[in-house]
C-alpha atoms as a PDB file:
ATOM      1  CA  UNK A   1       6.743  15.762  -0.429  1.00  0.00           C
ATOM      2  CA  UNK A   2       4.859  14.986   2.752  1.00  0.00           C
ATOM      3  CA  UNK A   3       1.791  12.694   2.305  1.00  0.00           C
ATOM      4  CA  UNK A   4      -0.924  12.845   4.968  1.00  0.00           C
ATOM      5  CA  UNK A   5      -4.547  11.745   5.518  1.00  0.00           C
ATOM      6  CA  UNK A   6      -7.667  13.917   5.557  1.00  0.00           C
ATOM      7  CA  UNK A   7      -6.589  17.241   4.023  1.00  0.00           C
ATOM      8  CA  UNK A   8      -8.989  20.155   4.686  1.00  0.00           C
ATOM      9  CA  UNK A   9     -12.200  19.626   2.691  1.00  0.00           C
ATOM     10  CA  UNK A  10     -12.385  23.215   1.466  1.00  0.00           C
ATOM     11  CA  UNK A  11      -8.802  23.055   0.176  1.00  0.00           C
ATOM     12  CA  UNK A  12      -9.508  19.729  -1.560  1.00  0.00           C
ATOM     13  CA  UNK A  13     -12.520  21.226  -3.323  1.00  0.00           C
ATOM     14  CA  UNK A  14     -10.543  24.322  -4.343  1.00  0.00           C
ATOM     15  CA  UNK A  15      -7.742  22.227  -5.850  1.00  0.00           C
ATOM     16  CA  UNK A  16     -10.160  19.902  -7.641  1.00  0.00           C
ATOM     17  CA  UNK A  17     -12.048  22.856  -9.102  1.00  0.00           C
ATOM     18  CA  UNK A  18      -8.767  24.442 -10.255  1.00  0.00           C
ATOM     19  CA  UNK A  19      -7.950  21.163 -12.054  1.00  0.00           C
ATOM     20  CA  UNK A  20     -11.452  20.927 -13.606  1.00  0.00           C
ATOM     21  CA  UNK A  21     -12.422  17.811 -11.626  1.00  0.00           C
ATOM     22  CA  UNK A  22     -15.917  17.227 -10.203  1.00  0.00           C
ATOM     23  CA  UNK A  23     -16.750  18.153  -6.616  1.00  0.00           C
ATOM     24  CA  UNK A  24     -20.565  18.230  -6.574  1.00  0.00           C
ATOM     25  CA  UNK A  25     -20.871  14.675  -5.250  1.00  0.00           C
ATOM     26  CA  UNK A  26     -18.347  15.045  -2.420  1.00  0.00           C
ATOM     27  CA  UNK A  27     -19.840  14.657   1.037  1.00  0.00           C
ATOM     28  CA  UNK A  28     -18.183  15.007   4.441  1.00  0.00           C
ATOM     29  CA  UNK A  29     -17.696  11.239   4.713  1.00  0.00           C
ATOM     30  CA  UNK A  30     -15.620  11.172   1.507  1.00  0.00           C
ATOM     31  CA  UNK A  31     -12.852  13.227   3.093  1.00  0.00           C
ATOM     32  CA  UNK A  32     -12.075  10.433   5.578  1.00  0.00           C
ATOM     33  CA  UNK A  33     -10.502   8.622   2.619  1.00  0.00           C
ATOM     34  CA  UNK A  34      -8.593  11.506   1.026  1.00  0.00           C
ATOM     35  CA  UNK A  35      -4.863  12.134   1.151  1.00  0.00           C
ATOM     36  CA  UNK A  36      -2.902  15.308   0.629  1.00  0.00           C
ATOM     37  CA  UNK A  37       0.605  16.107  -0.498  1.00  0.00           C
ATOM     38  CA  UNK A  38       2.620  19.081   0.773  1.00  0.00           C
ATOM     39  CA  UNK A  39       1.769  21.255   3.767  1.00  0.00           C
ATOM     40  CA  UNK A  40      -1.190  19.962   5.744  1.00  0.00           C
ATOM     41  CA  UNK A  41      -2.932  23.330   5.683  1.00  0.00           C
ATOM     42  CA  UNK A  42      -2.330  23.914   1.970  1.00  0.00           C
ATOM     43  CA  UNK A  43      -2.204  20.683  -0.058  1.00  0.00           C
ATOM     44  CA  UNK A  44      -0.465  20.838  -3.425  1.00  0.00           C
ATOM     45  CA  UNK A  45      -1.965  17.495  -4.420  1.00  0.00           C
ATOM     46  CA  UNK A  46      -4.897  15.309  -3.374  1.00  0.00           C
ATOM     47  CA  UNK A  47      -6.468  11.939  -4.091  1.00  0.00           C
ATOM     48  CA  UNK A  48      -9.467  10.096  -2.693  1.00  0.00           C
ATOM     49  CA  UNK A  49     -10.747   6.547  -2.467  1.00  0.00           C
ATOM     50  CA  UNK A  50     -14.329   5.337  -2.235  1.00  0.00           C
ATOM     51  CA  UNK A  51     -14.609   1.924  -0.578  1.00  0.00           C
ATOM     52  CA  UNK A  52     -17.238  -0.639  -1.618  1.00  0.00           C
ATOM     53  CA  UNK A  53     -16.203  -3.898   0.028  1.00  0.00           C
ATOM     54  CA  UNK A  54     -13.730  -5.731  -2.206  1.00  0.00           C
ATOM     55  CA  UNK A  55     -13.775  -2.985  -4.831  1.00  0.00           C
ATOM     56  CA  UNK A  56     -12.927   0.678  -4.630  1.00  0.00           C
ATOM     57  CA  UNK A  57     -12.901   3.812  -6.755  1.00  0.00           C
ATOM     58  CA  UNK A  58      -9.744   5.902  -6.949  1.00  0.00           C
ATOM     59  CA  UNK A  59     -10.926   9.441  -7.555  1.00  0.00           C
ATOM     60  CA  UNK A  60      -9.978  13.053  -7.685  1.00  0.00           C
ATOM     61  CA  UNK A  61      -6.233  12.831  -8.267  1.00  0.00           C
ATOM     62  CA  UNK A  62      -5.178  16.442  -8.687  1.00  0.00           C
ATOM     63  CA  UNK A  63      -1.838  18.204  -8.363  1.00  0.00           C
ATOM     64  CA  UNK A  64      -1.347  21.948  -8.450  1.00  0.00           C
ATOM     65  CA  UNK A  65       0.238  22.883 -11.785  1.00  0.00           C
ATOM     66  CA  UNK A  66       3.314  24.450 -10.155  1.00  0.00           C
ATOM     67  CA  UNK A  67       3.940  21.251  -8.140  1.00  0.00           C
ATOM     68  CA  UNK A  68       3.757  18.743 -10.987  1.00  0.00           C
ATOM     69  CA  UNK A  69       6.741  16.601 -11.916  1.00  0.00           C
ATOM     70  CA  UNK A  70       7.961  16.197  -8.324  1.00  0.00           C
ATOM     71  CA  UNK A  71       6.472  12.781  -7.554  1.00  0.00           C
ATOM     72  CA  UNK A  72       3.431  14.001  -5.644  1.00  0.00           C
ATOM     73  CA  UNK A  73       0.903  12.144  -7.834  1.00  0.00           C
ATOM     74  CA  UNK A  74       2.872   8.886  -7.708  1.00  0.00           C
ATOM     75  CA  UNK A  75       3.132   9.003  -3.931  1.00  0.00           C
ATOM     76  CA  UNK A  76      -0.538   9.923  -3.518  1.00  0.00           C
ATOM     77  CA  UNK A  77      -1.653   6.993  -5.691  1.00  0.00           C
ATOM     78  CA  UNK A  78       0.624   4.617  -3.786  1.00  0.00           C
ATOM     79  CA  UNK A  79      -0.799   5.811  -0.448  1.00  0.00           C
ATOM     80  CA  UNK A  80      -4.387   5.532  -1.714  1.00  0.00           C
ATOM     81  CA  UNK A  81      -3.709   1.982  -2.925  1.00  0.00           C
ATOM     82  CA  UNK A  82      -2.243   0.985   0.451  1.00  0.00           C
ATOM     83  CA  UNK A  83      -5.243   2.518   2.231  1.00  0.00           C
ATOM     84  CA  UNK A  84      -7.667   0.678  -0.047  1.00  0.00           C
ATOM     85  CA  UNK A  85      -5.853  -2.643   0.451  1.00  0.00           C
ATOM     86  CA  UNK A  86      -5.847  -2.186   4.258  1.00  0.00           C
ATOM     87  CA  UNK A  87      -9.622  -1.768   4.001  1.00  0.00           C
ATOM     88  CA  UNK A  88     -10.137  -5.011   2.075  1.00  0.00           C
ATOM     89  CA  UNK A  89     -10.208  -3.649  -1.489  1.00  0.00           C
ATOM     90  CA  UNK A  90      -8.917  -6.149  -4.032  1.00  0.00           C
ATOM     91  CA  UNK A  91      -9.768  -4.279  -7.255  1.00  0.00           C
ATOM     92  CA  UNK A  92      -9.309  -0.524  -7.495  1.00  0.00           C
ATOM     93  CA  UNK A  93     -11.110   1.227 -10.380  1.00  0.00           C
ATOM     94  CA  UNK A  94     -10.757   4.731 -11.797  1.00  0.00           C
ATOM     95  CA  UNK A  95     -12.035   6.907 -14.610  1.00  0.00           C
ATOM     96  CA  UNK A  96      -9.791   9.306 -16.506  1.00  0.00           C
ATOM     97  CA  UNK A  97      -9.919  11.513 -19.553  1.00  0.00           C
ATOM     98  CA  UNK A  98      -6.330  12.751 -19.362  1.00  0.00           C
ATOM     99  CA  UNK A  99      -4.061  10.392 -17.399  1.00  0.00           C
ATOM    100  CA  UNK A 100      -4.385   6.967 -18.988  1.00  0.00           C
ATOM    101  CA  UNK A 101      -0.621   6.642 -19.589  1.00  0.00           C
ATOM    102  CA  UNK A 102       0.199   7.723 -16.033  1.00  0.00           C
ATOM    103  CA  UNK A 103      -2.050   5.011 -14.606  1.00  0.00           C
ATOM    104  CA  UNK A 104      -0.891   2.357 -17.094  1.00  0.00           C
ATOM    105  CA  UNK A 105       2.663   2.922 -15.849  1.00  0.00           C
ATOM    106  CA  UNK A 106       1.379   2.148 -12.341  1.00  0.00           C
ATOM    107  CA  UNK A 107      -0.190  -1.180 -13.235  1.00  0.00           C
ATOM    108  CA  UNK A 108      -3.738  -0.130 -14.140  1.00  0.00           C
ATOM    109  CA  UNK A 109      -5.341  -1.707 -17.201  1.00  0.00           C
ATOM    110  CA  UNK A 110      -8.212  -0.433 -19.308  1.00  0.00           C
ATOM    111  CA  UNK A 111     -11.500  -2.353 -19.035  1.00  0.00           C
ATOM    112  CA  UNK A 112     -14.899  -2.177 -20.716  1.00  0.00           C
ATOM    113  CA  UNK A 113     -17.713  -0.291 -18.983  1.00  0.00           C
ATOM    114  CA  UNK A 114     -19.861  -3.435 -18.918  1.00  0.00           C
ATOM    115  CA  UNK A 115     -17.272  -5.296 -16.809  1.00  0.00           C
ATOM    116  CA  UNK A 116     -17.332  -2.769 -13.957  1.00  0.00           C
ATOM    117  CA  UNK A 117     -19.045  -3.954 -10.746  1.00  0.00           C
ATOM    118  CA  UNK A 118     -22.464  -2.479  -9.958  1.00  0.00           C
ATOM    119  CA  UNK A 119     -21.183  -0.718  -6.815  1.00  0.00           C
ATOM    120  CA  UNK A 120     -18.788   1.315  -8.959  1.00  0.00           C
ATOM    121  CA  UNK A 121     -21.310   1.878 -11.788  1.00  0.00           C
ATOM    122  CA  UNK A 122     -23.750   3.256  -9.189  1.00  0.00           C
ATOM    123  CA  UNK A 123     -21.396   6.072  -8.137  1.00  0.00           C
ATOM    124  CA  UNK A 124     -22.188   9.545  -9.414  1.00  0.00           C
ATOM    125  CA  UNK A 125     -18.657   9.811 -10.750  1.00  0.00           C
ATOM    126  CA  UNK A 126     -19.238   6.786 -13.008  1.00  0.00           C
ATOM    127  CA  UNK A 127     -22.903   7.302 -13.810  1.00  0.00           C
ATOM    128  CA  UNK A 128     -23.053  11.030 -14.483  1.00  0.00           C
ATOM    129  CA  UNK A 129     -20.072  13.202 -13.546  1.00  0.00           C
ATOM    130  CA  UNK A 130     -17.370  11.741 -15.794  1.00  0.00           C
ATOM    131  CA  UNK A 131     -17.978  11.638 -19.538  1.00  0.00           C
ATOM    132  CA  UNK A 132     -18.932   8.306 -21.102  1.00  0.00           C
ATOM    133  CA  UNK A 133     -15.737   8.587 -23.151  1.00  0.00           C
ATOM    134  CA  UNK A 134     -13.574   8.337 -20.010  1.00  0.00           C
ATOM    135  CA  UNK A 135     -11.107   5.484 -19.891  1.00  0.00           C
ATOM    136  CA  UNK A 136     -12.074   3.004 -17.175  1.00  0.00           C
ATOM    137  CA  UNK A 137      -9.134   1.307 -15.569  1.00  0.00           C
ATOM    138  CA  UNK A 138      -8.557  -1.227 -12.800  1.00  0.00           C
ATOM    139  CA  UNK A 139      -5.638  -2.487 -10.732  1.00  0.00           C
ATOM    140  CA  UNK A 140      -5.683  -5.724  -8.763  1.00  0.00           C
ATOM    141  CA  UNK A 141      -4.374  -5.022  -5.258  1.00  0.00           C
ATOM    142  CA  UNK A 142      -4.282  -8.652  -4.189  1.00  0.00           C
ATOM    143  CA  UNK A 143      -6.038 -10.386  -1.347  1.00  0.00           C
END
């Protein structure tokens, strides 16, 4: 599947809502760091990255149910990681309630909430949008 930057914001929000992921904190600037999978006018998968210097937050990985199992999520995560690394991110964090095994298989490890940098803890996704029971994971990108 074709991976591309900056999918249409409205389509990203629609797909996230269909996958029961939060959208209320998304601002126009967030979409500069989103990637889509599939046709550029109708993404079948999306992922975003929030950049905070040497740390980043991988967020909003969603794939349309009919498109799952075709490698879209894997390719989106890989592209998001490359984008984060190009922008100086060394540690990429995420929160998940449903995909811990998927991310473990991609090199992410579970960490305690208290070990997360303040810039990530200050995000709405960490502080209020995702449940406190979410798994918090990190991957070292190098640098």
